[in-house]
Amino acid sequence: MNTPNTSRAFTVGKTESGWARKIIDMPIDKLGDGDVLIQVEFSGINFKDGLASTEAGRIARIDPLIGGVDLAGKVVESSNPNFKVGDNVIAHGYDIGVAHHGGFSQYARVQSAWLVPIPKGLDARTAMMIGTAGYTAALSVDALEKAGLKPNTGPVLVTGATGGVGSVAVGMLALRGYEVVASTGKPETAEWLKKLGASEIIDRTETSAESAKPLERERWAGAIDCVGGATLAYILRTLQYGCSVAASGLTGGTSLPTSVLPFILRGVNLLGIDSVQTPLEPRKAMWSRIATDLKPTWLETQSVEIIGLDDLSEQLDKILAGKMRGRVLVNPHL
């Protein structure tokens, strides 16, 4: 296949009239440093992409920036013998979509050290239905189990359950045999969340309520928190003795209004989840689990919304406003 000289791409950055989102034809030789060129088949839309698309988000570190913190596609050029033309690969995290051009482009040039071969059991579409969000969910489940979480020990709470991380976490936990309680501010999504595997739905007004009490009734055998702020504080004061919460979100704010009492009186654990800088070998191992024992049962059957670059700006606004449900994929060739 002959690689074109330009790549149609969605960019953000400063212009004479202020911050702007634009679709341009980016020269292939301007896609950044890297020893592998990928024809992007799909990219996902993540909250971080929404932040990067706004000047106030303070995420973009190059100008202009092609957004998209995750992507999947085929290798079309490579100077690394470990990656050959035609190989199917995933790339996410590191500098992608922040300080290095990302997946909202027909082509992406990346470092081979950032690439994971798509494991057997997944393709580009299903890999991006998982994407950065689902990878973060998998890390969260893994961290909770390493900290001692087991099925049949009580309900596991997932906050922000209709988002990318939360919705995949619901499916993964259900697959592993856990009783999943999903928290959401969107009651109309209750049946959808139950199809994903939730056994109970609770309103986020309950899980985001502030309290002067440092401890409340023990409820949760574990939790995956995609929200932060007052919601994370609620989880800490309601976890069962010795149990853990895996925290990866900040849509509810970066402050944590709590005290040391949940930690020193109930021995609870706050597990921080970072999906950006995970070393490559653990990253490959986690993707192997995602393709096998952490693969949500709905992955092959659930429909997913797929958009082109022209519709991307509207979706970025939706995710920033908390109005996007589950995963939405971008096919830059549409």
C-alpha atoms as a PDB file:
ATOM      1  CA  MET A   1       0.000   0.000   0.000  1.00  0.00           C
ATOM      2  CA  ASN A   2       1.267   3.449  -0.874  1.00  0.00           C
ATOM      3  CA  THR A   3       1.176   5.789   2.096  1.00  0.00           C
ATOM      4  CA  PRO A   4      -0.213   9.242   1.210  1.00  0.00           C
ATOM      5  CA  ASN A   5       1.764  12.396   1.902  1.00  0.00           C
ATOM      6  CA  THR A   6      -0.844  13.804   4.294  1.00  0.00           C
ATOM      7  CA  SER A   7      -3.157  12.542   7.013  1.00  0.00           C
ATOM      8  CA  ARG A   8      -6.597  14.035   7.641  1.00  0.00           C
ATOM      9  CA  ALA A   9      -6.583  14.904  11.335  1.00  0.00           C
ATOM     10  CA  PHE A  10      -8.501  16.685  14.104  1.00  0.00           C
ATOM     11  CA  THR A  11      -6.306  19.291  15.782  1.00  0.00           C
ATOM     12  CA  VAL A  12      -6.612  21.695  18.698  1.00  0.00           C
ATOM     13  CA  GLY A  13      -4.519  24.760  19.457  1.00  0.00           C
ATOM     14  CA  LYS A  14      -4.189  28.506  19.450  1.00  0.00           C
ATOM     15  CA  THR A  15      -5.070  30.647  16.456  1.00  0.00           C
ATOM     16  CA  GLU A  16      -5.141  34.396  15.882  1.00  0.00           C
ATOM     17  CA  SER A  17      -8.782  34.393  16.957  1.00  0.00           C
ATOM     18  CA  GLY A  18      -8.226  32.194  20.026  1.00  0.00           C
ATOM     19  CA  TRP A  19      -8.320  28.476  20.821  1.00  0.00           C
ATOM     20  CA  ALA A  20      -9.742  26.404  17.985  1.00  0.00           C
ATOM     21  CA  ARG A  21     -10.531  22.872  16.918  1.00  0.00           C
ATOM     22  CA  LYS A  22      -9.791  22.238  13.264  1.00  0.00           C
ATOM     23  CA  ILE A  23      -9.666  19.397  10.768  1.00  0.00           C
ATOM     24  CA  ILE A  24      -6.564  19.691   8.606  1.00  0.00           C
ATOM     25  CA  ASP A  25      -4.415  17.672   6.248  1.00  0.00           C
ATOM     26  CA  MET A  26      -1.291  17.102   8.324  1.00  0.00           C
ATOM     27  CA  PRO A  27       1.881  16.192   6.397  1.00  0.00           C
ATOM     28  CA  ILE A  28       2.933  12.641   7.269  1.00  0.00           C
ATOM     29  CA  ASP A  29       6.435  13.877   8.088  1.00  0.00           C
ATOM     30  CA  LYS A  30       4.944  16.240  10.723  1.00  0.00           C
ATOM     31  CA  LEU A  31       3.299  13.489  12.789  1.00  0.00           C
ATOM     32  CA  GLY A  32       6.138  13.480  15.304  1.00  0.00           C
ATOM     33  CA  ASP A  33       9.050  11.238  16.148  1.00  0.00           C
ATOM     34  CA  GLY A  34       8.650   7.485  16.061  1.00  0.00           C
ATOM     35  CA  ASP A  35       9.904   4.360  14.358  1.00  0.00           C
ATOM     36  CA  VAL A  36       6.471   2.950  13.462  1.00  0.00           C
ATOM     37  CA  LEU A  37       3.749   4.474  11.257  1.00  0.00           C
ATOM     38  CA  ILE A  38       0.228   3.175  11.873  1.00  0.00           C
ATOM     39  CA  GLN A  39      -2.885   3.457   9.757  1.00  0.00           C
ATOM     40  CA  VAL A  40      -5.409   4.237  12.490  1.00  0.00           C
ATOM     41  CA  GLU A  41      -8.583   2.158  12.265  1.00  0.00           C
ATOM     42  CA  PHE A  42     -10.220   3.357  15.468  1.00  0.00           C
ATOM     43  CA  SER A  43      -9.582   5.727  18.344  1.00  0.00           C
ATOM     44  CA  GLY A  44     -11.708   6.182  21.445  1.00  0.00           C
ATOM     45  CA  ILE A  45     -13.067   9.322  23.108  1.00  0.00           C
ATOM     46  CA  ASN A  46     -11.897   9.782  26.683  1.00  0.00           C
ATOM     47  CA  PHE A  47     -12.459  12.486  29.293  1.00  0.00           C
ATOM     48  CA  LYS A  48      -8.795  13.417  28.914  1.00  0.00           C
ATOM     49  CA  ASP A  49      -9.426  14.036  25.198  1.00  0.00           C
ATOM     50  CA  GLY A  50     -12.184  16.424  26.162  1.00  0.00           C
ATOM     51  CA  LEU A  51      -9.845  18.299  28.473  1.00  0.00           C
ATOM     52  CA  ALA A  52      -7.129  18.407  25.804  1.00  0.00           C
ATOM     53  CA  SER A  53      -9.577  19.966  23.353  1.00  0.00           C
ATOM     54  CA  THR A  54     -10.013  23.063  25.534  1.00  0.00           C
ATOM     55  CA  GLU A  55      -7.492  25.706  26.510  1.00  0.00           C
ATOM     56  CA  ALA A  56      -8.774  25.636  30.099  1.00  0.00           C
ATOM     57  CA  GLY A  57      -8.051  21.898  30.317  1.00  0.00           C
ATOM     58  CA  ARG A  58      -4.291  22.599  30.329  1.00  0.00           C
ATOM     59  CA  ILE A  59      -3.614  19.155  28.857  1.00  0.00           C
ATOM     60  CA  ALA A  60      -2.211  19.857  25.378  1.00  0.00           C
ATOM     61  CA  ARG A  61       1.556  20.301  25.527  1.00  0.00           C
ATOM     62  CA  ILE A  62       2.226  20.869  21.822  1.00  0.00           C
ATOM     63  CA  ASP A  63       0.512  23.312  19.499  1.00  0.00           C
ATOM     64  CA  PRO A  64      -1.209  22.318  17.342  1.00  0.00           C
ATOM     65  CA  LEU A  65      -2.038  18.916  18.821  1.00  0.00           C
ATOM     66  CA  ILE A  66      -3.760  15.975  17.165  1.00  0.00           C
ATOM     67  CA  GLY A  67      -5.838  14.612  20.029  1.00  0.00           C
ATOM     68  CA  GLY A  68      -6.746  11.031  20.838  1.00  0.00           C
ATOM     69  CA  VAL A  69      -4.985   9.315  23.749  1.00  0.00           C
ATOM     70  CA  ASP A  70      -5.595   5.821  22.391  1.00  0.00           C
ATOM     71  CA  LEU A  71      -5.648   4.162  18.973  1.00  0.00           C
ATOM     72  CA  ALA A  72      -5.638   0.808  17.231  1.00  0.00           C
ATOM     73  CA  GLY A  73      -4.665  -0.002  13.681  1.00  0.00           C
ATOM     74  CA  LYS A  74      -2.197  -1.599  11.276  1.00  0.00           C
ATOM     75  CA  VAL A  75       1.512  -0.994  10.887  1.00  0.00           C
ATOM     76  CA  VAL A  76       2.288   0.487   7.451  1.00  0.00           C
ATOM     77  CA  GLU A  77       5.938   1.430   8.017  1.00  0.00           C
ATOM     78  CA  SER A  78       8.437   0.222  10.613  1.00  0.00           C
ATOM     79  CA  SER A  79      12.161   0.412  11.244  1.00  0.00           C
ATOM     80  CA  ASN A  80      11.824  -1.917  14.247  1.00  0.00           C
ATOM     81  CA  PRO A  81      12.108  -5.622  13.316  1.00  0.00           C
ATOM     82  CA  ASN A  82       9.670  -6.532  16.101  1.00  0.00           C
ATOM     83  CA  PHE A  83       6.857  -4.787  14.214  1.00  0.00           C
ATOM     84  CA  LYS A  84       6.176  -5.677  10.610  1.00  0.00           C
ATOM     85  CA  VAL A  85       3.905  -4.130   7.996  1.00  0.00           C
ATOM     86  CA  GLY A  86       0.403  -5.482   8.523  1.00  0.00           C
ATOM     87  CA  ASP A  87       0.765  -6.101  12.276  1.00  0.00           C
ATOM     88  CA  ASN A  88      -2.265  -5.113  14.346  1.00  0.00           C
ATOM     89  CA  VAL A  89      -1.319  -2.902  17.286  1.00  0.00           C
ATOM     90  CA  ILE A  90      -2.702  -0.823  20.155  1.00  0.00           C
ATOM     91  CA  ALA A  91      -1.156   2.385  21.471  1.00  0.00           C
ATOM     92  CA  HIS A  92      -2.312   4.433  24.453  1.00  0.00           C
ATOM     93  CA  GLY A  93      -0.926   6.469  27.302  1.00  0.00           C
ATOM     94  CA  TYR A  94       2.609   7.809  27.533  1.00  0.00           C
ATOM     95  CA  ASP A  95       2.681  11.124  25.589  1.00  0.00           C
ATOM     96  CA  ILE A  96       0.031  10.146  23.021  1.00  0.00           C
ATOM     97  CA  GLY A  97      -2.653  12.788  22.531  1.00  0.00           C
ATOM     98  CA  VAL A  98      -0.928  15.124  24.990  1.00  0.00           C
ATOM     99  CA  ALA A  99       2.673  15.858  24.005  1.00  0.00           C
ATOM    100  CA  HIS A 100       2.703  13.657  20.894  1.00  0.00           C
ATOM    101  CA  HIS A 101       0.138  13.548  18.093  1.00  0.00           C
ATOM    102  CA  GLY A 102      -2.579  10.984  18.794  1.00  0.00           C
ATOM    103  CA  GLY A 103      -5.325   8.862  17.318  1.00  0.00           C
ATOM    104  CA  PHE A 104      -7.708  11.458  15.843  1.00  0.00           C
ATOM    105  CA  SER A 105      -5.907  11.096  12.537  1.00  0.00           C
ATOM    106  CA  GLN A 106      -5.844   8.712   9.613  1.00  0.00           C
ATOM    107  CA  TYR A 107      -2.207   7.930  10.410  1.00  0.00           C
ATOM    108  CA  ALA A 108      -0.116   8.105  13.577  1.00  0.00           C
ATOM    109  CA  ARG A 109       3.643   7.840  14.029  1.00  0.00           C
ATOM    110  CA  VAL A 110       4.655   6.493  17.440  1.00  0.00           C
ATOM    111  CA  GLN A 111       7.554   4.946  19.324  1.00  0.00           C
ATOM    112  CA  SER A 112       7.619   1.156  19.084  1.00  0.00           C
ATOM    113  CA  ALA A 113       8.210   1.143  22.858  1.00  0.00           C
ATOM    114  CA  TRP A 114       4.625   2.365  23.222  1.00  0.00           C
ATOM    115  CA  LEU A 115       3.046  -0.404  21.137  1.00  0.00           C
ATOM    116  CA  VAL A 116       1.211  -3.531  22.244  1.00  0.00           C
ATOM    117  CA  PRO A 117       0.308  -6.201  19.666  1.00  0.00           C
ATOM    118  CA  ILE A 118      -3.460  -6.722  19.638  1.00  0.00           C
ATOM    119  CA  PRO A 119      -3.863 -10.075  21.441  1.00  0.00           C
ATOM    120  CA  LYS A 120      -5.799 -12.971  19.998  1.00  0.00           C
ATOM    121  CA  GLY A 121      -9.471 -12.566  20.857  1.00  0.00           C
ATOM    122  CA  LEU A 122      -9.580  -8.845  20.059  1.00  0.00           C
ATOM    123  CA  ASP A 123      -9.527  -6.762  16.881  1.00  0.00           C
ATOM    124  CA  ALA A 124      -9.079  -3.017  16.372  1.00  0.00           C
ATOM    125  CA  ARG A 125     -12.745  -2.263  17.046  1.00  0.00           C
ATOM    126  CA  THR A 126     -13.110  -4.355  20.202  1.00  0.00           C
ATOM    127  CA  ALA A 127      -9.697  -3.197  21.441  1.00  0.00           C
ATOM    128  CA  MET A 128     -10.904   0.396  21.231  1.00  0.00           C
ATOM    129  CA  MET A 129     -14.268  -0.495  22.773  1.00  0.00           C
ATOM    130  CA  ILE A 130     -12.018  -1.360  25.719  1.00  0.00           C
ATOM    131  CA  GLY A 131      -9.480   1.402  25.045  1.00  0.00           C
ATOM    132  CA  THR A 132      -7.730   3.501  27.683  1.00  0.00           C
ATOM    133  CA  ALA A 133     -10.905   3.520  29.757  1.00  0.00           C
ATOM    134  CA  GLY A 134     -11.298  -0.245  29.791  1.00  0.00           C
ATOM    135  CA  TYR A 135      -7.592  -0.748  30.369  1.00  0.00           C
ATOM    136  CA  THR A 136      -7.935   1.490  33.434  1.00  0.00           C
ATOM    137  CA  ALA A 137     -10.910  -0.606  34.557  1.00  0.00           C
ATOM    138  CA  ALA A 138      -8.830  -3.770  34.169  1.00  0.00           C
ATOM    139  CA  LEU A 139      -5.996  -2.277  36.227  1.00  0.00           C
ATOM    140  CA  SER A 140      -8.564  -1.394  38.891  1.00  0.00           C
ATOM    141  CA  VAL A 141     -10.019  -4.907  39.080  1.00  0.00           C
ATOM    142  CA  ASP A 142      -6.525  -6.382  39.167  1.00  0.00           C
ATOM    143  CA  ALA A 143      -5.421  -4.039  41.975  1.00  0.00           C
ATOM    144  CA  LEU A 144      -8.500  -4.838  44.079  1.00  0.00           C
ATOM    145  CA  GLU A 145      -7.973  -8.585  43.704  1.00  0.00           C
ATOM    146  CA  LYS A 146      -4.285  -8.286  44.584  1.00  0.00           C
ATOM    147  CA  ALA A 147      -5.404  -6.389  47.705  1.00  0.00           C
ATOM    148  CA  GLY A 148      -7.638  -9.307  48.694  1.00  0.00           C
ATOM    149  CA  LEU A 149     -11.024  -8.781  47.023  1.00  0.00           C
ATOM    150  CA  LYS A 150     -12.859 -12.032  46.374  1.00  0.00           C
ATOM    151  CA  PRO A 151     -16.387 -12.866  45.128  1.00  0.00           C
ATOM    152  CA  ASN A 152     -19.109 -13.520  47.709  1.00  0.00           C
ATOM    153  CA  THR A 153     -17.598 -11.156  50.293  1.00  0.00           C
ATOM    154  CA  GLY A 154     -20.107  -8.386  49.673  1.00  0.00           C
ATOM    155  CA  PRO A 155     -21.147  -5.811  47.098  1.00  0.00           C
ATOM    156  CA  VAL A 156     -18.589  -3.921  45.008  1.00  0.00           C
ATOM    157  CA  LEU A 157     -19.440  -0.313  44.179  1.00  0.00           C
ATOM    158  CA  VAL A 158     -18.633   1.292  40.815  1.00  0.00           C
ATOM    159  CA  THR A 159     -19.087   5.067  40.674  1.00  0.00           C
ATOM    160  CA  GLY A 160     -19.512   7.028  37.455  1.00  0.00           C
ATOM    161  CA  ALA A 161     -20.804   3.755  36.085  1.00  0.00           C
ATOM    162  CA  THR A 162     -22.064   5.047  32.721  1.00  0.00           C
ATOM    163  CA  GLY A 163     -18.647   6.435  31.786  1.00  0.00           C
ATOM    164  CA  GLY A 164     -15.931   4.631  29.884  1.00  0.00           C
ATOM    165  CA  VAL A 165     -14.035   3.275  32.895  1.00  0.00           C
ATOM    166  CA  GLY A 166     -17.133   2.602  34.976  1.00  0.00           C
ATOM    167  CA  SER A 167     -19.162   0.792  32.332  1.00  0.00           C
ATOM    168  CA  VAL A 168     -16.311  -1.575  31.453  1.00  0.00           C
ATOM    169  CA  ALA A 169     -15.557  -2.121  35.153  1.00  0.00           C
ATOM    170  CA  VAL A 170     -19.166  -3.194  35.714  1.00  0.00           C
ATOM    171  CA  GLY A 171     -18.822  -5.824  32.974  1.00  0.00           C
ATOM    172  CA  MET A 172     -15.436  -7.077  34.159  1.00  0.00           C
ATOM    173  CA  LEU A 173     -16.497  -7.399  37.786  1.00  0.00           C
ATOM    174  CA  ALA A 174     -19.699  -9.218  36.814  1.00  0.00           C
ATOM    175  CA  LEU A 175     -17.664 -11.605  34.672  1.00  0.00           C
ATOM    176  CA  ARG A 176     -15.473 -12.376  37.689  1.00  0.00           C
ATOM    177  CA  GLY A 177     -18.524 -13.253  39.782  1.00  0.00           C
ATOM    178  CA  TYR A 178     -18.906 -10.115  41.902  1.00  0.00           C
ATOM    179  CA  GLU A 179     -22.122  -8.494  43.061  1.00  0.00           C
ATOM    180  CA  VAL A 180     -21.858  -5.110  41.331  1.00  0.00           C
ATOM    181  CA  VAL A 181     -23.662  -1.984  42.531  1.00  0.00           C
ATOM    182  CA  ALA A 182     -23.512   0.817  39.955  1.00  0.00           C
ATOM    183  CA  SER A 183     -23.796   4.472  40.934  1.00  0.00           C
ATOM    184  CA  THR A 184     -25.019   6.936  38.331  1.00  0.00           C
ATOM    185  CA  GLY A 185     -26.820  10.238  37.994  1.00  0.00           C
ATOM    186  CA  LYS A 186     -28.634   8.951  34.905  1.00  0.00           C
ATOM    187  CA  PRO A 187     -31.582   6.817  36.047  1.00  0.00           C
ATOM    188  CA  GLU A 188     -32.610   6.239  32.433  1.00  0.00           C
ATOM    189  CA  THR A 189     -29.487   4.057  31.991  1.00  0.00           C
ATOM    190  CA  ALA A 190     -30.458   1.564  34.712  1.00  0.00           C
ATOM    191  CA  GLU A 191     -31.524  -1.212  32.343  1.00  0.00           C
ATOM    192  CA  TRP A 192     -28.409  -0.740  30.221  1.00  0.00           C
ATOM    193  CA  LEU A 193     -26.190  -1.015  33.305  1.00  0.00           C
ATOM    194  CA  LYS A 194     -27.998  -4.166  34.363  1.00  0.00           C
ATOM    195  CA  LYS A 195     -27.357  -5.660  30.927  1.00  0.00           C
ATOM    196  CA  LEU A 196     -23.675  -4.927  31.465  1.00  0.00           C
ATOM    197  CA  GLY A 197     -23.789  -6.864  34.725  1.00  0.00           C
ATOM    198  CA  ALA A 198     -24.907  -4.549  37.540  1.00  0.00           C
ATOM    199  CA  SER A 199     -27.181  -6.188  40.090  1.00  0.00           C
ATOM    200  CA  GLU A 200     -28.299  -2.902  41.666  1.00  0.00           C
ATOM    201  CA  ILE A 201     -28.366   0.773  40.659  1.00  0.00           C
ATOM    202  CA  ILE A 202     -28.072   3.615  43.165  1.00  0.00           C
ATOM    203  CA  ASP A 203     -28.291   7.348  42.555  1.00  0.00           C
ATOM    204  CA  ARG A 204     -25.120   9.402  42.660  1.00  0.00           C
ATOM    205  CA  THR A 205     -26.752  11.823  45.104  1.00  0.00           C
ATOM    206  CA  GLU A 206     -26.207   9.096  47.683  1.00  0.00           C
ATOM    207  CA  THR A 207     -22.588   8.393  46.800  1.00  0.00           C
ATOM    208  CA  SER A 208     -21.593  12.049  46.399  1.00  0.00           C
ATOM    209  CA  ALA A 209     -23.234  13.312  49.592  1.00  0.00           C
ATOM    210  CA  GLU A 210     -20.916  15.147  51.932  1.00  0.00           C
ATOM    211  CA  SER A 211     -20.942  14.269  55.619  1.00  0.00           C
ATOM    212  CA  ALA A 212     -19.352  15.530  58.811  1.00  0.00           C
ATOM    213  CA  LYS A 213     -19.045  11.919  59.967  1.00  0.00           C
ATOM    214  CA  PRO A 214     -15.588  10.431  59.335  1.00  0.00           C
ATOM    215  CA  LEU A 215     -17.065   6.907  59.348  1.00  0.00           C
ATOM    216  CA  GLU A 216     -20.470   5.485  58.427  1.00  0.00           C
ATOM    217  CA  ARG A 217     -22.046   2.050  58.210  1.00  0.00           C
ATOM    218  CA  GLU A 218     -19.764  -0.483  56.524  1.00  0.00           C
ATOM    219  CA  ARG A 219     -21.232  -1.369  53.131  1.00  0.00           C
ATOM    220  CA  TRP A 220     -18.732  -2.156  50.406  1.00  0.00           C
ATOM    221  CA  ALA A 221     -16.351  -5.093  49.997  1.00  0.00           C
ATOM    222  CA  GLY A 222     -14.526  -2.993  47.413  1.00  0.00           C
ATOM    223  CA  ALA A 223     -15.043  -0.101  45.049  1.00  0.00           C
ATOM    224  CA  ILE A 224     -13.865   1.304  41.737  1.00  0.00           C
ATOM    225  CA  ASP A 225     -14.094   5.078  41.833  1.00  0.00           C
ATOM    226  CA  CYS A 226     -14.111   7.032  38.587  1.00  0.00           C
ATOM    227  CA  VAL A 227     -15.227  10.311  40.159  1.00  0.00           C
ATOM    228  CA  GLY A 228     -12.998  11.470  43.032  1.00  0.00           C
ATOM    229  CA  GLY A 229     -13.822  14.376  45.342  1.00  0.00           C
ATOM    230  CA  ALA A 230     -16.748  13.914  47.712  1.00  0.00           C
ATOM    231  CA  THR A 231     -17.567  10.554  46.110  1.00  0.00           C
ATOM    232  CA  LEU A 232     -14.196   9.077  46.997  1.00  0.00           C
ATOM    233  CA  ALA A 233     -14.560  10.453  50.527  1.00  0.00           C
ATOM    234  CA  TYR A 234     -17.975   8.720  50.781  1.00  0.00           C
ATOM    235  CA  ILE A 235     -16.436   5.410  49.700  1.00  0.00           C
ATOM    236  CA  LEU A 236     -13.627   5.631  52.240  1.00  0.00           C
ATOM    237  CA  ARG A 237     -16.038   6.131  55.131  1.00  0.00           C
ATOM    238  CA  THR A 238     -18.346   3.286  54.033  1.00  0.00           C
ATOM    239  CA  LEU A 239     -15.866   0.555  53.041  1.00  0.00           C
ATOM    240  CA  GLN A 240     -15.907  -2.638  55.055  1.00  0.00           C
ATOM    241  CA  TYR A 241     -13.027  -3.273  57.429  1.00  0.00           C
ATOM    242  CA  GLY A 242      -9.746  -3.934  55.601  1.00  0.00           C
ATOM    243  CA  CYS A 243     -11.240  -3.382  52.150  1.00  0.00           C
ATOM    244  CA  SER A 244     -10.023  -1.259  49.263  1.00  0.00           C
ATOM    245  CA  VAL A 245     -11.018   1.315  46.676  1.00  0.00           C
ATOM    246  CA  ALA A 246      -9.237   1.671  43.333  1.00  0.00           C
ATOM    247  CA  ALA A 247      -9.313   5.340  42.342  1.00  0.00           C
ATOM    248  CA  SER A 248      -8.684   6.663  38.847  1.00  0.00           C
ATOM    249  CA  GLY A 249     -11.125   9.545  38.273  1.00  0.00           C
ATOM    250  CA  LEU A 250     -11.401  13.247  38.936  1.00  0.00           C
ATOM    251  CA  THR A 251     -14.650  14.326  37.290  1.00  0.00           C
ATOM    252  CA  GLY A 252     -15.943  15.133  40.782  1.00  0.00           C
ATOM    253  CA  GLY A 253     -12.909  17.210  41.657  1.00  0.00           C
ATOM    254  CA  THR A 254      -9.319  16.759  42.780  1.00  0.00           C
ATOM    255  CA  SER A 255      -9.797  17.522  46.477  1.00  0.00           C
ATOM    256  CA  LEU A 256     -10.413  14.731  48.983  1.00  0.00           C
ATOM    257  CA  PRO A 257     -12.494  15.855  51.994  1.00  0.00           C
ATOM    258  CA  THR A 258     -11.697  13.020  54.382  1.00  0.00           C
ATOM    259  CA  SER A 259      -9.618  12.234  57.460  1.00  0.00           C
ATOM    260  CA  VAL A 260      -7.126   9.573  58.499  1.00  0.00           C
ATOM    261  CA  LEU A 261      -9.804   7.712  60.491  1.00  0.00           C
ATOM    262  CA  PRO A 262     -10.962   5.293  57.749  1.00  0.00           C
ATOM    263  CA  PHE A 263      -7.332   4.235  57.334  1.00  0.00           C
ATOM    264  CA  ILE A 264      -6.352   3.830  60.978  1.00  0.00           C
ATOM    265  CA  LEU A 265      -9.656   2.625  62.457  1.00  0.00           C
ATOM    266  CA  ARG A 266     -10.876   0.371  59.626  1.00  0.00           C
ATOM    267  CA  GLY A 267      -7.620  -0.383  57.838  1.00  0.00           C
ATOM    268  CA  VAL A 268      -9.015   0.521  54.437  1.00  0.00           C
ATOM    269  CA  ASN A 269      -6.768   0.898  51.400  1.00  0.00           C
ATOM    270  CA  LEU A 270      -6.733   3.655  48.785  1.00  0.00           C
ATOM    271  CA  LEU A 271      -5.247   2.206  45.592  1.00  0.00           C
ATOM    272  CA  GLY A 272      -4.159   4.775  43.033  1.00  0.00           C
ATOM    273  CA  ILE A 273      -4.588   3.668  39.409  1.00  0.00           C
ATOM    274  CA  ASP A 274      -2.378   5.159  36.688  1.00  0.00           C
ATOM    275  CA  SER A 275      -2.886   3.911  33.140  1.00  0.00           C
ATOM    276  CA  VAL A 276      -0.555   6.393  31.411  1.00  0.00           C
ATOM    277  CA  GLN A 277       2.948   5.321  32.385  1.00  0.00           C
ATOM    278  CA  THR A 278       2.468   1.583  32.967  1.00  0.00           C
ATOM    279  CA  PRO A 279       5.662  -0.193  31.827  1.00  0.00           C
ATOM    280  CA  LEU A 280       5.338  -2.110  28.588  1.00  0.00           C
ATOM    281  CA  GLU A 281       5.579  -5.704  29.858  1.00  0.00           C
ATOM    282  CA  PRO A 282       2.861  -5.303  32.546  1.00  0.00           C
ATOM    283  CA  ARG A 283       0.819  -3.457  29.907  1.00  0.00           C
ATOM    284  CA  LYS A 284       1.067  -6.418  27.530  1.00  0.00           C
ATOM    285  CA  ALA A 285       0.140  -8.801  30.341  1.00  0.00           C
ATOM    286  CA  MET A 286      -2.942  -6.758  31.215  1.00  0.00           C
ATOM    287  CA  TRP A 287      -4.087  -6.686  27.581  1.00  0.00           C
ATOM    288  CA  SER A 288      -3.723 -10.479  27.514  1.00  0.00           C
ATOM    289  CA  ARG A 289      -6.088 -10.645  30.498  1.00  0.00           C
ATOM    290  CA  ILE A 290      -8.491  -8.234  28.799  1.00  0.00           C
ATOM    291  CA  ALA A 291      -8.636 -10.659  25.857  1.00  0.00           C
ATOM    292  CA  THR A 292      -9.315 -13.650  28.145  1.00  0.00           C
ATOM    293  CA  ASP A 293     -10.444 -13.713  31.799  1.00  0.00           C
ATOM    294  CA  LEU A 294     -11.314  -9.990  31.957  1.00  0.00           C
ATOM    295  CA  LYS A 295     -13.073  -9.844  28.592  1.00  0.00           C
ATOM    296  CA  PRO A 296     -16.612  -8.483  29.164  1.00  0.00           C
ATOM    297  CA  THR A 297     -19.289 -10.850  27.891  1.00  0.00           C
ATOM    298  CA  TRP A 298     -20.987  -8.033  25.959  1.00  0.00           C
ATOM    299  CA  LEU A 299     -17.900  -7.027  23.989  1.00  0.00           C
ATOM    300  CA  GLU A 300     -18.687  -9.026  20.853  1.00  0.00           C
ATOM    301  CA  THR A 301     -22.426  -8.346  20.816  1.00  0.00           C
ATOM    302  CA  GLN A 302     -22.913  -4.784  22.023  1.00  0.00           C
ATOM    303  CA  SER A 303     -23.259  -2.145  19.354  1.00  0.00           C
ATOM    304  CA  VAL A 304     -21.052   0.908  19.676  1.00  0.00           C
ATOM    305  CA  GLU A 305     -21.440   4.373  18.223  1.00  0.00           C
ATOM    306  CA  ILE A 306     -18.812   5.088  15.576  1.00  0.00           C
ATOM    307  CA  ILE A 307     -18.285   8.616  14.281  1.00  0.00           C
ATOM    308  CA  GLY A 308     -15.971  10.395  11.873  1.00  0.00           C
ATOM    309  CA  LEU A 309     -13.729  13.377  12.508  1.00  0.00           C
ATOM    310  CA  ASP A 310     -16.470  15.804  11.446  1.00  0.00           C
ATOM    311  CA  ASP A 311     -18.640  14.789  14.429  1.00  0.00           C
ATOM    312  CA  LEU A 312     -15.828  14.678  16.952  1.00  0.00           C
ATOM    313  CA  SER A 313     -16.084  18.202  18.351  1.00  0.00           C
ATOM    314  CA  GLU A 314     -19.707  17.655  19.410  1.00  0.00           C
ATOM    315  CA  GLN A 315     -18.795  14.411  21.195  1.00  0.00           C
ATOM    316  CA  LEU A 316     -15.915  16.073  23.033  1.00  0.00           C
ATOM    317  CA  ASP A 317     -18.366  18.652  24.357  1.00  0.00           C
ATOM    318  CA  LYS A 318     -20.697  15.846  25.442  1.00  0.00           C
ATOM    319  CA  ILE A 319     -18.044  13.983  27.404  1.00  0.00           C
ATOM    320  CA  LEU A 320     -16.999  17.197  29.155  1.00  0.00           C
ATOM    321  CA  ALA A 321     -20.648  17.783  30.096  1.00  0.00           C
ATOM    322  CA  GLY A 322     -21.014  14.215  31.402  1.00  0.00           C
ATOM    323  CA  LYS A 323     -23.538  13.342  28.697  1.00  0.00           C
ATOM    324  CA  MET A 324     -21.710  10.555  26.882  1.00  0.00           C
ATOM    325  CA  ARG A 325     -22.663   6.972  27.702  1.00  0.00           C
ATOM    326  CA  GLY A 326     -20.117   4.179  27.467  1.00  0.00           C
ATOM    327  CA  ARG A 327     -17.602   4.242  24.661  1.00  0.00           C
ATOM    328  CA  VAL A 328     -17.814   6.179  21.394  1.00  0.00           C
ATOM    329  CA  LEU A 329     -15.265   5.302  18.710  1.00  0.00           C
ATOM    330  CA  VAL A 330     -13.721   7.496  16.039  1.00  0.00           C
ATOM    331  CA  ASN A 331     -13.021   6.108  12.573  1.00  0.00           C
ATOM    332  CA  PRO A 332     -10.807   8.812  11.015  1.00  0.00           C
ATOM    333  CA  HIS A 333     -11.435   7.436   7.525  1.00  0.00           C
ATOM    334  CA  LEU A 334     -15.191   8.086   7.556  1.00  0.00           C
END
